[in-house]
Amino acid sequence: MSEKEQKKVDKKVSKFMKSIRGFLIEKSGSVRPEWECTLLLLETYLEEFLMFSIEIEKLENIITIGRNGEQPHSFFNARDKAAIRIEGLLKSLGCTFKEAAKMDVIEPKLEESPLDIFVKNKIEKR
């Protein structure tokens, strides 16, 4: 992998991880120390996934000859395993659409304006 490609991967990973951390902060107020290992694994598998995707694009032939005959290049299997791990980690952090819907965090909670608070207090006191 060239230096240019590595920088591109690093930039994508950094941007993605920043958005994941932002989501977690929005959801829970902070990124808890016990989540750091999960985030490190997510970052590692995402980098692997992107690197394998770049290498697959470079392949002249996606089929290799093994002792069992023709089979897809081993990069495909490695990339697919990384994708499965990424999905599992995203689910565990509540970052998939389905998981976010279960936890009711899809819509960000907006702060109430002073007028809303005033009206709410007046109605509740009646």
C-alpha atoms as a PDB file:
ATOM      1  CA  MET A   1       0.000   0.000   0.000  1.00  0.00           C
ATOM      2  CA  SER A   2       1.373   3.360  -0.976  1.00  0.00           C
ATOM      3  CA  GLU A   3       1.883   6.239   1.412  1.00  0.00           C
ATOM      4  CA  LYS A   4      -0.875   8.200  -0.341  1.00  0.00           C
ATOM      5  CA  GLU A   5      -3.331   5.326   0.091  1.00  0.00           C
ATOM      6  CA  GLN A   6      -2.369   4.934   3.744  1.00  0.00           C
ATOM      7  CA  LYS A   7      -3.015   8.641   4.370  1.00  0.00           C
ATOM      8  CA  LYS A   8      -6.406   8.301   2.685  1.00  0.00           C
ATOM      9  CA  VAL A   9      -7.289   5.329   4.912  1.00  0.00           C
ATOM     10  CA  ASP A  10      -6.059   7.141   8.028  1.00  0.00           C
ATOM     11  CA  LYS A  11      -8.175  10.182   7.156  1.00  0.00           C
ATOM     12  CA  LYS A  12     -11.325   8.078   6.646  1.00  0.00           C
ATOM     13  CA  VAL A  13     -10.753   6.153   9.864  1.00  0.00           C
ATOM     14  CA  SER A  14     -10.109   9.332  11.830  1.00  0.00           C
ATOM     15  CA  LYS A  15     -13.261  10.994  10.484  1.00  0.00           C
ATOM     16  CA  PHE A  16     -15.384   7.929  11.216  1.00  0.00           C
ATOM     17  CA  MET A  17     -14.035   7.477  14.730  1.00  0.00           C
ATOM     18  CA  LYS A  18     -14.617  11.161  15.460  1.00  0.00           C
ATOM     19  CA  SER A  19     -18.259  10.774  14.451  1.00  0.00           C
ATOM     20  CA  ILE A  20     -18.629   7.619  16.589  1.00  0.00           C
ATOM     21  CA  ARG A  21     -17.161   9.399  19.607  1.00  0.00           C
ATOM     22  CA  GLY A  22     -19.485  12.347  18.948  1.00  0.00           C
ATOM     23  CA  PHE A  23     -22.466  10.002  18.858  1.00  0.00           C
ATOM     24  CA  LEU A  24     -21.450   8.389  22.140  1.00  0.00           C
ATOM     25  CA  ILE A  25     -20.927  11.768  23.806  1.00  0.00           C
ATOM     26  CA  GLU A  26     -24.326  12.950  22.571  1.00  0.00           C
ATOM     27  CA  LYS A  27     -25.959   9.747  23.785  1.00  0.00           C
ATOM     28  CA  SER A  28     -24.335   9.418  27.186  1.00  0.00           C
ATOM     29  CA  GLY A  29     -22.547  12.683  27.917  1.00  0.00           C
ATOM     30  CA  SER A  30     -19.031  11.232  27.642  1.00  0.00           C
ATOM     31  CA  VAL A  31     -16.975   8.376  26.283  1.00  0.00           C
ATOM     32  CA  ARG A  32     -16.559   6.026  29.208  1.00  0.00           C
ATOM     33  CA  PRO A  33     -13.155   4.445  29.839  1.00  0.00           C
ATOM     34  CA  GLU A  34     -14.597   0.931  29.508  1.00  0.00           C
ATOM     35  CA  TRP A  35     -15.556   1.701  25.893  1.00  0.00           C
ATOM     36  CA  GLU A  36     -11.990   2.530  24.844  1.00  0.00           C
ATOM     37  CA  CYS A  37     -11.097  -1.099  24.076  1.00  0.00           C
ATOM     38  CA  THR A  38     -14.190  -1.472  21.888  1.00  0.00           C
ATOM     39  CA  LEU A  39     -13.340   1.784  20.115  1.00  0.00           C
ATOM     40  CA  LEU A  40      -9.753   0.637  19.556  1.00  0.00           C
ATOM     41  CA  LEU A  41     -10.978  -2.638  18.052  1.00  0.00           C
ATOM     42  CA  LEU A  42     -13.454  -0.751  15.861  1.00  0.00           C
ATOM     43  CA  GLU A  43     -10.692   1.541  14.616  1.00  0.00           C
ATOM     44  CA  THR A  44      -8.397  -1.417  13.904  1.00  0.00           C
ATOM     45  CA  TYR A  45     -11.008  -3.431  12.003  1.00  0.00           C
ATOM     46  CA  LEU A  46     -12.136  -0.392  10.031  1.00  0.00           C
ATOM     47  CA  GLU A  47      -8.563   0.277   8.961  1.00  0.00           C
ATOM     48  CA  GLU A  48      -8.181  -3.390   7.944  1.00  0.00           C
ATOM     49  CA  PHE A  49     -11.450  -3.288   5.999  1.00  0.00           C
ATOM     50  CA  LEU A  50     -10.393  -0.191   4.058  1.00  0.00           C
ATOM     51  CA  MET A  51      -6.899  -1.541   3.371  1.00  0.00           C
ATOM     52  CA  PHE A  52      -8.244  -4.853   2.077  1.00  0.00           C
ATOM     53  CA  SER A  53     -10.753  -2.984  -0.103  1.00  0.00           C
ATOM     54  CA  ILE A  54      -7.932  -0.989  -1.695  1.00  0.00           C
ATOM     55  CA  GLU A  55      -5.860  -4.123  -2.249  1.00  0.00           C
ATOM     56  CA  ILE A  56      -8.846  -5.923  -3.807  1.00  0.00           C
ATOM     57  CA  GLU A  57      -9.274  -3.053  -6.285  1.00  0.00           C
ATOM     58  CA  LYS A  58      -5.648  -3.548  -7.366  1.00  0.00           C
ATOM     59  CA  LEU A  59      -5.994  -7.282  -8.037  1.00  0.00           C
ATOM     60  CA  GLU A  60      -5.685  -8.355 -11.636  1.00  0.00           C
ATOM     61  CA  ASN A  61      -7.448 -11.637 -10.941  1.00  0.00           C
ATOM     62  CA  ILE A  62      -9.840 -12.119  -8.038  1.00  0.00           C
ATOM     63  CA  ILE A  63      -9.760 -15.919  -8.395  1.00  0.00           C
ATOM     64  CA  THR A  64      -6.799 -17.918  -7.125  1.00  0.00           C
ATOM     65  CA  ILE A  65      -5.973 -21.556  -7.579  1.00  0.00           C
ATOM     66  CA  GLY A  66      -5.701 -23.415  -4.292  1.00  0.00           C
ATOM     67  CA  ARG A  67      -5.418 -27.076  -3.443  1.00  0.00           C
ATOM     68  CA  ASN A  68      -9.230 -27.298  -3.610  1.00  0.00           C
ATOM     69  CA  GLY A  69      -9.410 -25.650  -7.013  1.00  0.00           C
ATOM     70  CA  GLU A  70     -10.472 -22.132  -7.887  1.00  0.00           C
ATOM     71  CA  GLN A  71     -11.486 -19.878  -5.036  1.00  0.00           C
ATOM     72  CA  PRO A  72     -11.834 -16.152  -4.335  1.00  0.00           C
ATOM     73  CA  HIS A  73      -8.661 -14.354  -3.293  1.00  0.00           C
ATOM     74  CA  SER A  74      -8.009 -14.527   0.456  1.00  0.00           C
ATOM     75  CA  PHE A  75      -8.375 -10.730   0.717  1.00  0.00           C
ATOM     76  CA  PHE A  76     -12.141 -11.146   0.267  1.00  0.00           C
ATOM     77  CA  ASN A  77     -12.427 -13.463   3.241  1.00  0.00           C
ATOM     78  CA  ALA A  78     -10.298 -11.163   5.415  1.00  0.00           C
ATOM     79  CA  ARG A  79     -12.297  -8.089   4.378  1.00  0.00           C
ATOM     80  CA  ASP A  80     -15.603  -9.844   5.062  1.00  0.00           C
ATOM     81  CA  LYS A  81     -14.445 -10.924   8.528  1.00  0.00           C
ATOM     82  CA  ALA A  82     -13.415  -7.350   9.315  1.00  0.00           C
ATOM     83  CA  ALA A  83     -16.839  -6.113   8.126  1.00  0.00           C
ATOM     84  CA  ILE A  84     -18.645  -8.600  10.372  1.00  0.00           C
ATOM     85  CA  ARG A  85     -16.546  -7.526  13.351  1.00  0.00           C
ATOM     86  CA  ILE A  86     -17.174  -3.846  12.585  1.00  0.00           C
ATOM     87  CA  GLU A  87     -20.915  -4.444  12.466  1.00  0.00           C
ATOM     88  CA  GLY A  88     -20.839  -6.307  15.775  1.00  0.00           C
ATOM     89  CA  LEU A  89     -18.858  -3.546  17.470  1.00  0.00           C
ATOM     90  CA  LEU A  90     -21.178  -0.861  16.094  1.00  0.00           C
ATOM     91  CA  LYS A  91     -24.153  -2.796  17.443  1.00  0.00           C
ATOM     92  CA  SER A  92     -22.540  -3.113  20.869  1.00  0.00           C
ATOM     93  CA  LEU A  93     -22.027   0.659  20.957  1.00  0.00           C
ATOM     94  CA  GLY A  94     -25.596   1.319  19.775  1.00  0.00           C
ATOM     95  CA  CYS A  95     -24.362   3.014  16.613  1.00  0.00           C
ATOM     96  CA  THR A  96     -26.451   1.195  14.012  1.00  0.00           C
ATOM     97  CA  PHE A  97     -29.821   2.572  12.956  1.00  0.00           C
ATOM     98  CA  LYS A  98     -31.647  -0.438  14.379  1.00  0.00           C
ATOM     99  CA  GLU A  99     -29.858  -0.256  17.737  1.00  0.00           C
ATOM    100  CA  ALA A 100     -30.331   3.504  17.939  1.00  0.00           C
ATOM    101  CA  ALA A 101     -34.059   3.060  17.265  1.00  0.00           C
ATOM    102  CA  LYS A 102     -34.287   0.532  20.102  1.00  0.00           C
ATOM    103  CA  MET A 103     -32.698   3.030  22.455  1.00  0.00           C
ATOM    104  CA  ASP A 104     -34.732   5.995  21.166  1.00  0.00           C
ATOM    105  CA  VAL A 105     -31.667   8.072  20.371  1.00  0.00           C
ATOM    106  CA  ILE A 106     -32.298   8.738  16.707  1.00  0.00           C
ATOM    107  CA  GLU A 107     -33.693  12.212  17.273  1.00  0.00           C
ATOM    108  CA  PRO A 108     -31.390  14.487  19.239  1.00  0.00           C
ATOM    109  CA  LYS A 109     -33.099  16.013  22.216  1.00  0.00           C
ATOM    110  CA  LEU A 110     -33.406  19.734  21.788  1.00  0.00           C
ATOM    111  CA  GLU A 111     -33.060  21.999  24.769  1.00  0.00           C
ATOM    112  CA  GLU A 112     -36.242  23.696  25.817  1.00  0.00           C
ATOM    113  CA  SER A 113     -36.389  27.412  25.241  1.00  0.00           C
ATOM    114  CA  PRO A 114     -37.170  29.725  28.155  1.00  0.00           C
ATOM    115  CA  LEU A 115     -40.627  30.300  26.659  1.00  0.00           C
ATOM    116  CA  ASP A 116     -41.314  26.537  26.522  1.00  0.00           C
ATOM    117  CA  ILE A 117     -40.259  26.164  30.157  1.00  0.00           C
ATOM    118  CA  PHE A 118     -42.463  29.081  31.207  1.00  0.00           C
ATOM    119  CA  VAL A 119     -45.503  27.724  29.339  1.00  0.00           C
ATOM    120  CA  LYS A 120     -44.896  24.222  30.675  1.00  0.00           C
ATOM    121  CA  ASN A 121     -44.689  25.501  34.270  1.00  0.00           C
ATOM    122  CA  LYS A 122     -47.875  27.578  33.889  1.00  0.00           C
ATOM    123  CA  ILE A 123     -49.825  24.618  32.519  1.00  0.00           C
ATOM    124  CA  GLU A 124     -48.572  22.197  35.191  1.00  0.00           C
ATOM    125  CA  LYS A 125     -49.492  24.600  38.027  1.00  0.00           C
ATOM    126  CA  ARG A 126     -53.137  24.787  36.923  1.00  0.00           C
END
